[in-house]
Amino acid sequence: MRLFFDVLSPNSRSYDYQGREFMRPEEAAQMAELIAADLGVSDTDDWIGSLVQVRTAANEMLFSIPVRAAA
């Protein structure tokens, strides 16, 4: 299944137009957590408080992972 990973904040949106293929939903959840963790340790705090939303090609939102600051 092809899933898309959009990053949404109150001030900005970054849409995934290419997507990635996954065999199992657990793999997509791991990818979303990795994206959120990476954004949480970026050079700026611009993405803290954002959500990594995972959606299908039919634009159905499956779940979201919050971007948190690194502890």
PDB file of N, CA and C in Angstrom:
ATOM      1  N   MET A   1       0.832  -1.172   0.000  1.00  0.00           N
ATOM      2  CA  MET A   1       0.000   0.000   0.000  1.00  0.00           C
ATOM      3  C   MET A   1       0.880   1.239   0.000  1.00  0.00           C
ATOM      4  N   ARG A   2       0.465   2.248  -0.749  1.00  0.00           N
ATOM      5  CA  ARG A   2       1.209   3.508  -0.805  1.00  0.00           C
ATOM      6  C   ARG A   2       0.614   4.463   0.214  1.00  0.00           C
ATOM      7  N   LEU A   3       1.491   4.977   1.083  1.00  0.00           N
ATOM      8  CA  LEU A   3       1.073   5.921   2.119  1.00  0.00           C
ATOM      9  C   LEU A   3       1.890   7.197   2.007  1.00  0.00           C
ATOM     10  N   PHE A   4       1.298   8.283   2.481  1.00  0.00           N
ATOM     11  CA  PHE A   4       1.885   9.611   2.360  1.00  0.00           C
ATOM     12  C   PHE A   4       2.061  10.220   3.749  1.00  0.00           C
ATOM     13  N   PHE A   5       3.145  10.971   3.923  1.00  0.00           N
ATOM     14  CA  PHE A   5       3.520  11.523   5.227  1.00  0.00           C
ATOM     15  C   PHE A   5       3.570  13.044   5.124  1.00  0.00           C
ATOM     16  N   ASP A   6       2.524  13.696   5.585  1.00  0.00           N
ATOM     17  CA  ASP A   6       2.456  15.158   5.569  1.00  0.00           C
ATOM     18  C   ASP A   6       2.836  15.687   6.949  1.00  0.00           C
ATOM     19  N   VAL A   7       3.511  16.827   6.973  1.00  0.00           N
ATOM     20  CA  VAL A   7       3.868  17.471   8.240  1.00  0.00           C
ATOM     21  C   VAL A   7       3.079  18.771   8.319  1.00  0.00           C
ATOM     22  N   LEU A   8       2.246  18.865   9.351  1.00  0.00           N
ATOM     23  CA  LEU A   8       1.337  20.002   9.473  1.00  0.00           C
ATOM     24  C   LEU A   8       1.549  20.721  10.792  1.00  0.00           C
ATOM     25  N   SER A   9       1.678  22.041  10.705  1.00  0.00           N
ATOM     26  CA  SER A   9       1.776  22.878  11.901  1.00  0.00           C
ATOM     27  C   SER A   9       0.786  24.023  11.733  1.00  0.00           C
ATOM     28  N   PRO A  10       0.549  24.788  12.789  1.00  0.00           N
ATOM     29  CA  PRO A  10      -0.367  25.916  12.651  1.00  0.00           C
ATOM     30  C   PRO A  10       0.088  26.943  11.606  1.00  0.00           C
ATOM     31  N   ASN A  11       1.418  27.050  11.400  1.00  0.00           N
ATOM     32  CA  ASN A  11       1.954  28.074  10.502  1.00  0.00           C
ATOM     33  C   ASN A  11       2.464  27.553   9.167  1.00  0.00           C
ATOM     34  N   SER A  12       2.590  26.243   9.023  1.00  0.00           N
ATOM     35  CA  SER A  12       3.213  25.706   7.824  1.00  0.00           C
ATOM     36  C   SER A  12       2.676  24.313   7.512  1.00  0.00           C
ATOM     37  N   ARG A  13       2.791  23.952   6.249  1.00  0.00           N
ATOM     38  CA  ARG A  13       2.378  22.622   5.811  1.00  0.00           C
ATOM     39  C   ARG A  13       3.409  22.100   4.810  1.00  0.00           C
ATOM     40  N   SER A  14       3.757  20.845   4.970  1.00  0.00           N
ATOM     41  CA  SER A  14       4.666  20.193   4.045  1.00  0.00           C
ATOM     42  C   SER A  14       4.014  18.888   3.598  1.00  0.00           C
ATOM     43  N   TYR A  15       3.586  18.850   2.343  1.00  0.00           N
ATOM     44  CA  TYR A  15       2.859  17.698   1.832  1.00  0.00           C
ATOM     45  C   TYR A  15       3.786  16.732   1.124  1.00  0.00           C
ATOM     46  N   ASP A  16       3.522  15.455   1.319  1.00  0.00           N
ATOM     47  CA  ASP A  16       4.252  14.381   0.659  1.00  0.00           C
ATOM     48  C   ASP A  16       3.474  14.010  -0.605  1.00  0.00           C
ATOM     49  N   TYR A  17       4.013  14.333  -1.768  1.00  0.00           N
ATOM     50  CA  TYR A  17       3.327  14.054  -3.024  1.00  0.00           C
ATOM     51  C   TYR A  17       3.776  12.735  -3.653  1.00  0.00           C
ATOM     52  N   GLN A  18       4.859  12.162  -3.131  1.00  0.00           N
ATOM     53  CA  GLN A  18       5.395  10.931  -3.717  1.00  0.00           C
ATOM     54  C   GLN A  18       4.920   9.689  -2.963  1.00  0.00           C
ATOM     55  N   GLY A  19       4.950   9.725  -1.655  1.00  0.00           N
ATOM     56  CA  GLY A  19       4.542   8.580  -0.853  1.00  0.00           C
ATOM     57  C   GLY A  19       5.580   7.464  -0.857  1.00  0.00           C
ATOM     58  N   ARG A  20       5.274   6.430  -0.082  1.00  0.00           N
ATOM     59  CA  ARG A  20       6.150   5.254   0.027  1.00  0.00           C
ATOM     60  C   ARG A  20       5.282   4.011   0.105  1.00  0.00           C
ATOM     61  N   GLU A  21       5.836   2.914  -0.379  1.00  0.00           N
ATOM     62  CA  GLU A  21       5.133   1.632  -0.345  1.00  0.00           C
ATOM     63  C   GLU A  21       5.442   0.890   0.958  1.00  0.00           C
ATOM     64  N   PHE A  22       4.404   0.307   1.553  1.00  0.00           N
ATOM     65  CA  PHE A  22       4.554  -0.470   2.778  1.00  0.00           C
ATOM     66  C   PHE A  22       3.750  -1.755   2.663  1.00  0.00           C
ATOM     67  N   MET A  23       4.287  -2.802   3.250  1.00  0.00           N
ATOM     68  CA  MET A  23       3.590  -4.080   3.288  1.00  0.00           C
ATOM     69  C   MET A  23       2.665  -4.164   4.504  1.00  0.00           C
ATOM     70  N   ARG A  24       3.082  -3.514   5.611  1.00  0.00           N
ATOM     71  CA  ARG A  24       2.312  -3.582   6.861  1.00  0.00           C
ATOM     72  C   ARG A  24       2.149  -2.188   7.449  1.00  0.00           C
ATOM     73  N   PRO A  25       1.015  -1.926   8.098  1.00  0.00           N
ATOM     74  CA  PRO A  25       0.801  -0.611   8.728  1.00  0.00           C
ATOM     75  C   PRO A  25       1.844  -0.291   9.801  1.00  0.00           C
ATOM     76  N   GLU A  26       2.389  -1.304  10.468  1.00  0.00           N
ATOM     77  CA  GLU A  26       3.396  -1.075  11.510  1.00  0.00           C
ATOM     78  C   GLU A  26       4.641  -0.399  10.935  1.00  0.00           C
ATOM     79  N   GLU A  27       4.976  -0.742   9.698  1.00  0.00           N
ATOM     80  CA  GLU A  27       6.134  -0.121   9.055  1.00  0.00           C
ATOM     81  C   GLU A  27       5.885   1.374   8.831  1.00  0.00           C
ATOM     82  N   ALA A  28       4.672   1.729   8.457  1.00  0.00           N
ATOM     83  CA  ALA A  28       4.331   3.142   8.253  1.00  0.00           C
ATOM     84  C   ALA A  28       4.376   3.897   9.571  1.00  0.00           C
ATOM     85  N   ALA A  29       3.935   3.270  10.655  1.00  0.00           N
ATOM     86  CA  ALA A  29       3.983   3.912  11.972  1.00  0.00           C
ATOM     87  C   ALA A  29       5.427   4.157  12.385  1.00  0.00           C
ATOM     88  N   GLN A  30       6.302   3.210  12.125  1.00  0.00           N
ATOM     89  CA  GLN A  30       7.720   3.388  12.452  1.00  0.00           C
ATOM     90  C   GLN A  30       8.317   4.533  11.641  1.00  0.00           C
ATOM     91  N   MET A  31       7.952   4.631  10.362  1.00  0.00           N
ATOM     92  CA  MET A  31       8.455   5.718   9.517  1.00  0.00           C
ATOM     93  C   MET A  31       7.960   7.067  10.029  1.00  0.00           C
ATOM     94  N   ALA A  32       6.697   7.157  10.404  1.00  0.00           N
ATOM     95  CA  ALA A  32       6.141   8.414  10.922  1.00  0.00           C
ATOM     96  C   ALA A  32       6.843   8.823  12.214  1.00  0.00           C
ATOM     97  N   GLU A  33       7.115   7.865  13.088  1.00  0.00           N
ATOM     98  CA  GLU A  33       7.834   8.156  14.332  1.00  0.00           C
ATOM     99  C   GLU A  33       9.249   8.632  14.046  1.00  0.00           C
ATOM    100  N   LEU A  34       9.894   8.042  13.053  1.00  0.00           N
ATOM    101  CA  LEU A  34      11.248   8.459  12.675  1.00  0.00           C
ATOM    102  C   LEU A  34      11.252   9.886  12.122  1.00  0.00           C
ATOM    103  N   ILE A  35      10.282  10.207  11.279  1.00  0.00           N
ATOM    104  CA  ILE A  35      10.181  11.562  10.729  1.00  0.00           C
ATOM    105  C   ILE A  35       9.950  12.567  11.861  1.00  0.00           C
ATOM    106  N   ALA A  36       9.036  12.243  12.776  1.00  0.00           N
ATOM    107  CA  ALA A  36       8.747  13.142  13.903  1.00  0.00           C
ATOM    108  C   ALA A  36       9.970  13.332  14.789  1.00  0.00           C
ATOM    109  N   ALA A  37      10.699  12.248  15.062  1.00  0.00           N
ATOM    110  CA  ALA A  37      11.901  12.349  15.895  1.00  0.00           C
ATOM    111  C   ALA A  37      12.959  13.193  15.207  1.00  0.00           C
ATOM    112  N   ASP A  38      13.119  13.030  13.905  1.00  0.00           N
ATOM    113  CA  ASP A  38      14.105  13.800  13.148  1.00  0.00           C
ATOM    114  C   ASP A  38      13.761  15.291  13.177  1.00  0.00           C
ATOM    115  N   LEU A  39      12.501  15.615  12.990  1.00  0.00           N
ATOM    116  CA  LEU A  39      12.079  17.019  13.042  1.00  0.00           C
ATOM    117  C   LEU A  39      12.251  17.602  14.447  1.00  0.00           C
ATOM    118  N   GLY A  40      12.112  16.767  15.453  1.00  0.00           N
ATOM    119  CA  GLY A  40      12.252  17.222  16.836  1.00  0.00           C
ATOM    120  C   GLY A  40      13.661  17.597  17.223  1.00  0.00           C
ATOM    121  N   VAL A  41      14.647  17.137  16.458  1.00  0.00           N
ATOM    122  CA  VAL A  41      16.049  17.465  16.760  1.00  0.00           C
ATOM    123  C   VAL A  41      16.668  18.333  15.665  1.00  0.00           C
ATOM    124  N   SER A  42      15.836  18.949  14.831  1.00  0.00           N
ATOM    125  CA  SER A  42      16.364  19.802  13.764  1.00  0.00           C
ATOM    126  C   SER A  42      17.011  21.056  14.355  1.00  0.00           C
ATOM    127  N   ASP A  43      17.693  21.802  13.512  1.00  0.00           N
ATOM    128  CA  ASP A  43      18.417  22.996  13.956  1.00  0.00           C
ATOM    129  C   ASP A  43      17.497  24.095  14.479  1.00  0.00           C
ATOM    130  N   THR A  44      16.256  24.091  14.049  1.00  0.00           N
ATOM    131  CA  THR A  44      15.296  25.092  14.526  1.00  0.00           C
ATOM    132  C   THR A  44      14.147  24.380  15.232  1.00  0.00           C
ATOM    133  N   ASP A  45      13.380  25.134  15.966  1.00  0.00           N
ATOM    134  CA  ASP A  45      12.219  24.572  16.661  1.00  0.00           C
ATOM    135  C   ASP A  45      10.934  24.785  15.850  1.00  0.00           C
ATOM    136  N   ASP A  46      11.075  25.082  14.573  1.00  0.00           N
ATOM    137  CA  ASP A  46       9.918  25.424  13.740  1.00  0.00           C
ATOM    138  C   ASP A  46       8.859  24.332  13.693  1.00  0.00           C
ATOM    139  N   TRP A  47       9.268  23.071  13.777  1.00  0.00           N
ATOM    140  CA  TRP A  47       8.317  21.971  13.628  1.00  0.00           C
ATOM    141  C   TRP A  47       7.821  21.413  14.960  1.00  0.00           C
ATOM    142  N   ILE A  48       8.364  21.887  16.093  1.00  0.00           N
ATOM    143  CA  ILE A  48       7.899  21.406  17.402  1.00  0.00           C
ATOM    144  C   ILE A  48       6.414  21.721  17.535  1.00  0.00           C
ATOM    145  N   GLY A  49       5.630  20.743  17.930  1.00  0.00           N
ATOM    146  CA  GLY A  49       4.195  20.913  18.049  1.00  0.00           C
ATOM    147  C   GLY A  49       3.427  20.562  16.784  1.00  0.00           C
ATOM    148  N   SER A  50       4.142  20.221  15.731  1.00  0.00           N
ATOM    149  CA  SER A  50       3.505  19.820  14.480  1.00  0.00           C
ATOM    150  C   SER A  50       3.035  18.375  14.573  1.00  0.00           C
ATOM    151  N   LEU A  51       2.366  17.939  13.526  1.00  0.00           N
ATOM    152  CA  LEU A  51       1.938  16.545  13.428  1.00  0.00           C
ATOM    153  C   LEU A  51       2.438  15.949  12.122  1.00  0.00           C
ATOM    154  N   VAL A  52       2.927  14.722  12.189  1.00  0.00           N
ATOM    155  CA  VAL A  52       3.207  13.946  10.991  1.00  0.00           C
ATOM    156  C   VAL A  52       1.954  13.107  10.749  1.00  0.00           C
ATOM    157  N   GLN A  53       1.220  13.448   9.704  1.00  0.00           N
ATOM    158  CA  GLN A  53      -0.018  12.743   9.398  1.00  0.00           C
ATOM    159  C   GLN A  53       0.232  11.726   8.289  1.00  0.00           C
ATOM    160  N   VAL A  54      -0.270  10.528   8.506  1.00  0.00           N
ATOM    161  CA  VAL A  54      -0.135   9.460   7.527  1.00  0.00           C
ATOM    162  C   VAL A  54      -1.489   9.282   6.856  1.00  0.00           C
ATOM    163  N   ARG A  55      -1.479   9.342   5.514  1.00  0.00           N
ATOM    164  CA  ARG A  55      -2.729   9.222   4.772  1.00  0.00           C
ATOM    165  C   ARG A  55      -2.569   8.276   3.588  1.00  0.00           C
ATOM    166  N   THR A  56      -3.706   7.792   3.116  1.00  0.00           N
ATOM    167  CA  THR A  56      -3.739   6.900   1.960  1.00  0.00           C
ATOM    168  C   THR A  56      -3.777   7.718   0.676  1.00  0.00           C
ATOM    169  N   ALA A  57      -3.668   7.030  -0.464  1.00  0.00           N
ATOM    170  CA  ALA A  57      -3.761   7.702  -1.760  1.00  0.00           C
ATOM    171  C   ALA A  57      -5.146   8.304  -1.967  1.00  0.00           C
ATOM    172  N   ALA A  58      -6.163   7.770  -1.275  1.00  0.00           N
ATOM    173  CA  ALA A  58      -7.526   8.307  -1.355  1.00  0.00           C
ATOM    174  C   ALA A  58      -7.716   9.479  -0.383  1.00  0.00           C
ATOM    175  N   ASN A  59      -6.626   9.936   0.216  1.00  0.00           N
ATOM    176  CA  ASN A  59      -6.604  11.067   1.148  1.00  0.00           C
ATOM    177  C   ASN A  59      -7.301  10.763   2.476  1.00  0.00           C
ATOM    178  N   GLU A  60      -7.383   9.506   2.840  1.00  0.00           N
ATOM    179  CA  GLU A  60      -7.932   9.108   4.141  1.00  0.00           C
ATOM    180  C   GLU A  60      -6.813   9.172   5.176  1.00  0.00           C
ATOM    181  N   MET A  61      -6.990   9.989   6.204  1.00  0.00           N
ATOM    182  CA  MET A  61      -5.983  10.110   7.250  1.00  0.00           C
ATOM    183  C   MET A  61      -6.076   8.892   8.163  1.00  0.00           C
ATOM    184  N   LEU A  62      -4.955   8.181   8.324  1.00  0.00           N
ATOM    185  CA  LEU A  62      -4.924   6.979   9.128  1.00  0.00           C
ATOM    186  C   LEU A  62      -4.580   7.275  10.581  1.00  0.00           C
ATOM    187  N   PHE A  63      -3.521   8.051  10.792  1.00  0.00           N
ATOM    188  CA  PHE A  63      -3.101   8.414  12.147  1.00  0.00           C
ATOM    189  C   PHE A  63      -2.094   9.544  12.051  1.00  0.00           C
ATOM    190  N   SER A  64      -1.751  10.113  13.199  1.00  0.00           N
ATOM    191  CA  SER A  64      -0.747  11.173  13.239  1.00  0.00           C
ATOM    192  C   SER A  64       0.160  10.978  14.441  1.00  0.00           C
ATOM    193  N   ILE A  65       1.377  11.468  14.303  1.00  0.00           N
ATOM    194  CA  ILE A  65       2.397  11.391  15.339  1.00  0.00           C
ATOM    195  C   ILE A  65       2.852  12.818  15.639  1.00  0.00           C
ATOM    196  N   PRO A  66       2.833  13.236  16.914  1.00  0.00           N
ATOM    197  CA  PRO A  66       3.263  14.604  17.237  1.00  0.00           C
ATOM    198  C   PRO A  66       4.788  14.749  17.175  1.00  0.00           C
ATOM    199  N   VAL A  67       5.228  15.925  16.780  1.00  0.00           N
ATOM    200  CA  VAL A  67       6.658  16.269  16.792  1.00  0.00           C
ATOM    201  C   VAL A  67       6.951  16.917  18.127  1.00  0.00           C
ATOM    202  N   ARG A  68       7.833  16.313  18.886  1.00  0.00           N
ATOM    203  CA  ARG A  68       8.201  16.829  20.215  1.00  0.00           C
ATOM    204  C   ARG A  68       9.672  17.212  20.235  1.00  0.00           C
ATOM    205  N   ALA A  69      10.010  18.144  21.089  1.00  0.00           N
ATOM    206  CA  ALA A  69      11.407  18.529  21.285  1.00  0.00           C
ATOM    207  C   ALA A  69      12.168  17.369  21.899  1.00  0.00           C
ATOM    208  N   ALA A  70      13.423  17.250  21.510  1.00  0.00           N
ATOM    209  CA  ALA A  70      14.266  16.199  22.085  1.00  0.00           C
ATOM    210  C   ALA A  70      14.460  16.449  23.568  1.00  0.00           C
ATOM    211  N   ALA A  71      14.426  15.390  24.322  1.00  0.00           N
ATOM    212  CA  ALA A  71      14.579  15.505  25.790  1.00  0.00           C
ATOM    213  C   ALA A  71      16.011  15.699  26.192  1.00  0.00           C
TER     214      ALA A  71
END
